[in-house]
C-alpha atoms as a PDB file:
ATOM      1  CA  ILE A   1       0.000   0.000   0.000  1.00  0.00           C
ATOM      2  CA  PHE A   2       1.326   3.405  -0.980  1.00  0.00           C
ATOM      3  CA  LEU A   3       0.122   6.695   0.442  1.00  0.00           C
ATOM      4  CA  THR A   4       1.346   9.428  -1.885  1.00  0.00           C
ATOM      5  CA  ASP A   5       1.490  13.187  -1.810  1.00  0.00           C
ATOM      6  CA  LEU A   6       3.758  16.146  -2.393  1.00  0.00           C
ATOM      7  CA  PRO A   7       7.268  16.047  -0.852  1.00  0.00           C
ATOM      8  CA  GLU A   8       6.341  18.429   1.964  1.00  0.00           C
ATOM      9  CA  ILE A   9       3.349  16.253   2.991  1.00  0.00           C
ATOM     10  CA  VAL A  10       5.076  12.847   2.938  1.00  0.00           C
ATOM     11  CA  PRO A  11       6.619  13.241   6.437  1.00  0.00           C
ATOM     12  CA  ASN A  12       3.085  13.678   7.784  1.00  0.00           C
ATOM     13  CA  LEU A  13       1.983  10.525   5.932  1.00  0.00           C
ATOM     14  CA  GLN A  14       4.912   8.612   7.384  1.00  0.00           C
ATOM     15  CA  LYS A  15       4.141   9.855  10.905  1.00  0.00           C
ATOM     16  CA  ASN A  16       0.525   8.672  10.536  1.00  0.00           C
ATOM     17  CA  ILE A  17       1.732   5.281   9.309  1.00  0.00           C
ATOM     18  CA  GLU A  18       3.974   4.990  12.390  1.00  0.00           C
ATOM     19  CA  LEU A  19       1.286   6.185  14.829  1.00  0.00           C
ATOM     20  CA  ASN A  20      -1.194   3.660  13.431  1.00  0.00           C
ATOM     21  CA  LYS A  21       1.424   0.865  13.384  1.00  0.00           C
ATOM     22  CA  LEU A  22       0.638   0.007   9.772  1.00  0.00           C
ATOM     23  CA  ASN A  23       2.700  -2.760   8.184  1.00  0.00           C
ATOM     24  CA  ASP A  24       3.483  -2.827   4.471  1.00  0.00           C
ATOM     25  CA  VAL A  25       2.253   0.769   4.056  1.00  0.00           C
ATOM     26  CA  HIS A  26       4.639   3.304   2.558  1.00  0.00           C
ATOM     27  CA  GLY A  27       4.433   7.099   2.406  1.00  0.00           C
ATOM     28  CA  LYS A  28       5.985   8.199  -0.881  1.00  0.00           C
ATOM     29  CA  VAL A  29       6.179  11.152  -3.221  1.00  0.00           C
ATOM     30  CA  LEU A  30       4.186  10.879  -6.433  1.00  0.00           C
ATOM     31  CA  ASP A  31       4.672  13.804  -8.787  1.00  0.00           C
ATOM     32  CA  TRP A  32       1.549  13.962 -10.953  1.00  0.00           C
ATOM     33  CA  THR A  33       3.442  15.867 -13.647  1.00  0.00           C
ATOM     34  CA  ASP A  34       6.211  13.287 -13.852  1.00  0.00           C
ATOM     35  CA  PRO A  35       5.715   9.965 -12.019  1.00  0.00           C
ATOM     36  CA  SER A  36       9.004   8.544 -13.340  1.00  0.00           C
ATOM     37  CA  SER A  37      10.788   8.640  -9.965  1.00  0.00           C
ATOM     38  CA  PHE A  38       7.923   6.634  -8.440  1.00  0.00           C
ATOM     39  CA  THR A  39       7.852   4.095 -11.289  1.00  0.00           C
ATOM     40  CA  GLN A  40      11.656   3.776 -11.289  1.00  0.00           C
ATOM     41  CA  GLU A  41      11.549   2.828  -7.618  1.00  0.00           C
ATOM     42  CA  PHE A  42       8.413   0.664  -7.600  1.00  0.00           C
ATOM     43  CA  GLY A  43       7.788  -0.377 -11.189  1.00  0.00           C
ATOM     44  CA  THR A  44       4.885   0.187 -13.510  1.00  0.00           C
ATOM     45  CA  GLU A  45       2.544  -2.605 -12.421  1.00  0.00           C
ATOM     46  CA  PRO A  46      -0.957  -1.101 -12.134  1.00  0.00           C
ATOM     47  CA  PHE A  47      -3.042  -1.044  -8.966  1.00  0.00           C
ATOM     48  CA  ASP A  48      -6.405  -2.715  -8.376  1.00  0.00           C
ATOM     49  CA  VAL A  49      -7.534   0.029  -5.992  1.00  0.00           C
ATOM     50  CA  ILE A  50      -6.737   3.724  -6.100  1.00  0.00           C
ATOM     51  CA  LEU A  51      -8.113   6.149  -3.502  1.00  0.00           C
ATOM     52  CA  ILE A  52      -8.055   9.842  -4.363  1.00  0.00           C
ATOM     53  CA  ALA A  53      -9.115  12.471  -1.832  1.00  0.00           C
ATOM     54  CA  ASP A  54      -9.581  16.203  -2.443  1.00  0.00           C
ATOM     55  CA  PRO A  55      -7.274  16.437  -5.479  1.00  0.00           C
ATOM     56  CA  ILE A  56      -8.654  19.495  -7.283  1.00  0.00           C
ATOM     57  CA  TYR A  57      -7.308  22.882  -6.242  1.00  0.00           C
ATOM     58  CA  SER A  58      -5.713  24.261  -9.399  1.00  0.00           C
ATOM     59  CA  PRO A  59      -6.636  24.364 -13.116  1.00  0.00           C
ATOM     60  CA  GLN A  60      -4.024  21.710 -14.033  1.00  0.00           C
ATOM     61  CA  HIS A  61      -5.206  19.125 -11.528  1.00  0.00           C
ATOM     62  CA  PRO A  62      -8.038  17.540 -13.566  1.00  0.00           C
ATOM     63  CA  SER A  63      -5.596  16.552 -16.313  1.00  0.00           C
ATOM     64  CA  TRP A  64      -2.992  15.346 -13.863  1.00  0.00           C
ATOM     65  CA  VAL A  65      -5.509  13.310 -11.831  1.00  0.00           C
ATOM     66  CA  VAL A  66      -6.896  11.618 -14.938  1.00  0.00           C
ATOM     67  CA  ASN A  67      -3.375  10.917 -16.202  1.00  0.00           C
ATOM     68  CA  MET A  68      -2.504   9.200 -12.903  1.00  0.00           C
ATOM     69  CA  ILE A  69      -5.700   7.131 -12.889  1.00  0.00           C
ATOM     70  CA  ASP A  70      -5.118   6.127 -16.499  1.00  0.00           C
ATOM     71  CA  LYS A  71      -1.480   5.253 -15.834  1.00  0.00           C
ATOM     72  CA  PHE A  72      -1.888   3.340 -12.580  1.00  0.00           C
ATOM     73  CA  LEU A  73      -5.371   1.733 -12.656  1.00  0.00           C
ATOM     74  CA  SER A  74      -5.388  -1.944 -13.612  1.00  0.00           C
ATOM     75  CA  GLU A  75      -7.775  -3.255 -16.262  1.00  0.00           C
ATOM     76  CA  CYS A  76     -10.119  -4.634 -13.590  1.00  0.00           C
ATOM     77  CA  GLY A  77      -9.345  -2.028 -10.944  1.00  0.00           C
ATOM     78  CA  LYS A  78     -11.460   0.624  -9.279  1.00  0.00           C
ATOM     79  CA  ALA A  79     -10.610   4.193  -8.414  1.00  0.00           C
ATOM     80  CA  TYR A  80     -12.496   5.872  -5.587  1.00  0.00           C
ATOM     81  CA  LEU A  81     -12.565   9.644  -5.888  1.00  0.00           C
ATOM     82  CA  GLU A  82     -13.706  12.103  -3.204  1.00  0.00           C
ATOM     83  CA  ILE A  83     -14.135  15.744  -4.089  1.00  0.00           C
ATOM     84  CA  PRO A  84     -15.477  18.586  -1.963  1.00  0.00           C
ATOM     85  CA  ILE A  85     -17.999  20.600  -3.977  1.00  0.00           C
ATOM     86  CA  ARG A  86     -16.451  24.043  -3.727  1.00  0.00           C
ATOM     87  CA  PRO A  87     -17.966  26.675  -6.071  1.00  0.00           C
ATOM     88  CA  LYS A  88     -14.502  28.032  -6.849  1.00  0.00           C
ATOM     89  CA  TYR A  89     -13.568  24.796  -8.669  1.00  0.00           C
ATOM     90  CA  GLU A  90     -16.705  24.088 -10.699  1.00  0.00           C
ATOM     91  CA  ALA A  91     -14.906  24.471 -14.048  1.00  0.00           C
ATOM     92  CA  GLU A  92     -12.178  22.080 -12.904  1.00  0.00           C
ATOM     93  CA  ARG A  93     -14.743  19.470 -11.835  1.00  0.00           C
ATOM     94  CA  LEU A  94     -16.495  19.698 -15.209  1.00  0.00           C
ATOM     95  CA  LEU A  95     -13.158  19.268 -16.964  1.00  0.00           C
ATOM     96  CA  LEU A  96     -12.349  16.282 -14.743  1.00  0.00           C
ATOM     97  CA  TRP A  97     -15.617  14.511 -15.694  1.00  0.00           C
ATOM     98  CA  ARG A  98     -15.010  15.166 -19.409  1.00  0.00           C
ATOM     99  CA  LEU A  99     -11.413  13.926 -19.257  1.00  0.00           C
ATOM    100  CA  LEU A 100     -12.434  10.750 -17.435  1.00  0.00           C
ATOM    101  CA  GLU A 101     -14.946   9.987 -20.171  1.00  0.00           C
ATOM    102  CA  GLU A 102     -12.417  10.715 -22.930  1.00  0.00           C
ATOM    103  CA  ARG A 103     -10.008   8.186 -21.369  1.00  0.00           C
ATOM    104  CA  ASN A 104     -12.698   5.472 -21.165  1.00  0.00           C
ATOM    105  CA  LEU A 105     -12.880   5.799 -17.395  1.00  0.00           C
ATOM    106  CA  ALA A 106     -16.509   5.419 -16.356  1.00  0.00           C
ATOM    107  CA  VAL A 107     -18.270   6.442 -13.171  1.00  0.00           C
ATOM    108  CA  VAL A 108     -20.254   3.429 -11.972  1.00  0.00           C
ATOM    109  CA  LYS A 109     -21.399   4.806  -8.626  1.00  0.00           C
ATOM    110  CA  GLU A 110     -21.878   8.291  -7.248  1.00  0.00           C
ATOM    111  CA  ILE A 111     -22.758   9.396  -3.717  1.00  0.00           C
ATOM    112  CA  HIS A 112     -23.389  12.891  -2.377  1.00  0.00           C
ATOM    113  CA  ASP A 113     -22.726  13.554   1.298  1.00  0.00           C
ATOM    114  CA  GLU A 114     -22.233  16.441   3.674  1.00  0.00           C
ATOM    115  CA  GLY A 115     -19.509  17.020   6.193  1.00  0.00           C
ATOM    116  CA  LYS A 116     -17.179  19.592   7.674  1.00  0.00           C
ATOM    117  CA  ASP A 117     -13.668  20.651   6.888  1.00  0.00           C
ATOM    118  CA  ASP A 118     -11.408  23.417   8.195  1.00  0.00           C
ATOM    119  CA  TRP A 119     -13.656  26.060   6.587  1.00  0.00           C
ATOM    120  CA  GLY A 120     -17.068  24.795   7.693  1.00  0.00           C
ATOM    121  CA  ASN A 121     -19.849  22.706   6.157  1.00  0.00           C
ATOM    122  CA  VAL A 122     -19.036  21.101   2.832  1.00  0.00           C
ATOM    123  CA  GLU A 123     -20.892  18.955   0.317  1.00  0.00           C
ATOM    124  CA  TYR A 124     -18.824  15.993  -0.864  1.00  0.00           C
ATOM    125  CA  LEU A 125     -19.060  13.935  -3.998  1.00  0.00           C
ATOM    126  CA  TYR A 126     -17.788  10.358  -4.066  1.00  0.00           C
ATOM    127  CA  LYS A 127     -17.350   8.530  -7.364  1.00  0.00           C
ATOM    128  CA  GLU A 128     -16.378   4.945  -8.098  1.00  0.00           C
ATOM    129  CA  ILE A 129     -14.524   4.756 -11.414  1.00  0.00           C
ATOM    130  CA  ILE A 130     -13.618   1.806 -13.613  1.00  0.00           C
ATOM    131  CA  ARG A 131     -11.787   1.393 -16.865  1.00  0.00           C
ATOM    132  CA  VAL A 132     -14.074   0.627 -19.785  1.00  0.00           C
ATOM    133  CA  THR A 133     -12.517  -1.862 -22.168  1.00  0.00           C
ATOM    134  CA  LYS A 134     -13.575  -1.874 -25.766  1.00  0.00           C
END
């Protein structure tokens, strides 16, 4: 199991792994713009499960997220995506949905929920995504 994030966040991931005494779980850097350092260290074998939480906070992120799903999701795998519905990122969410469809990545389940984050009440969207084979 790999927990990935930006270099400055990985120490926090590793601390959480230690605190929770998780075995065979690794906190690693995954650069969405260039995953070559990750694949050089761990190979290119795809994953059966990918969890993605709150990944959209800049205009480039939809493309990068879809690229990572497309690169790392196995033929029979599932990606689980959680996105807070923030009005500021509506255009990015719409782009994300279009890019998923263009890459033959289909949403097979969608759930809306409400919760709280550091800024107050938030609506969340959860999507289960699979690869559609032709």
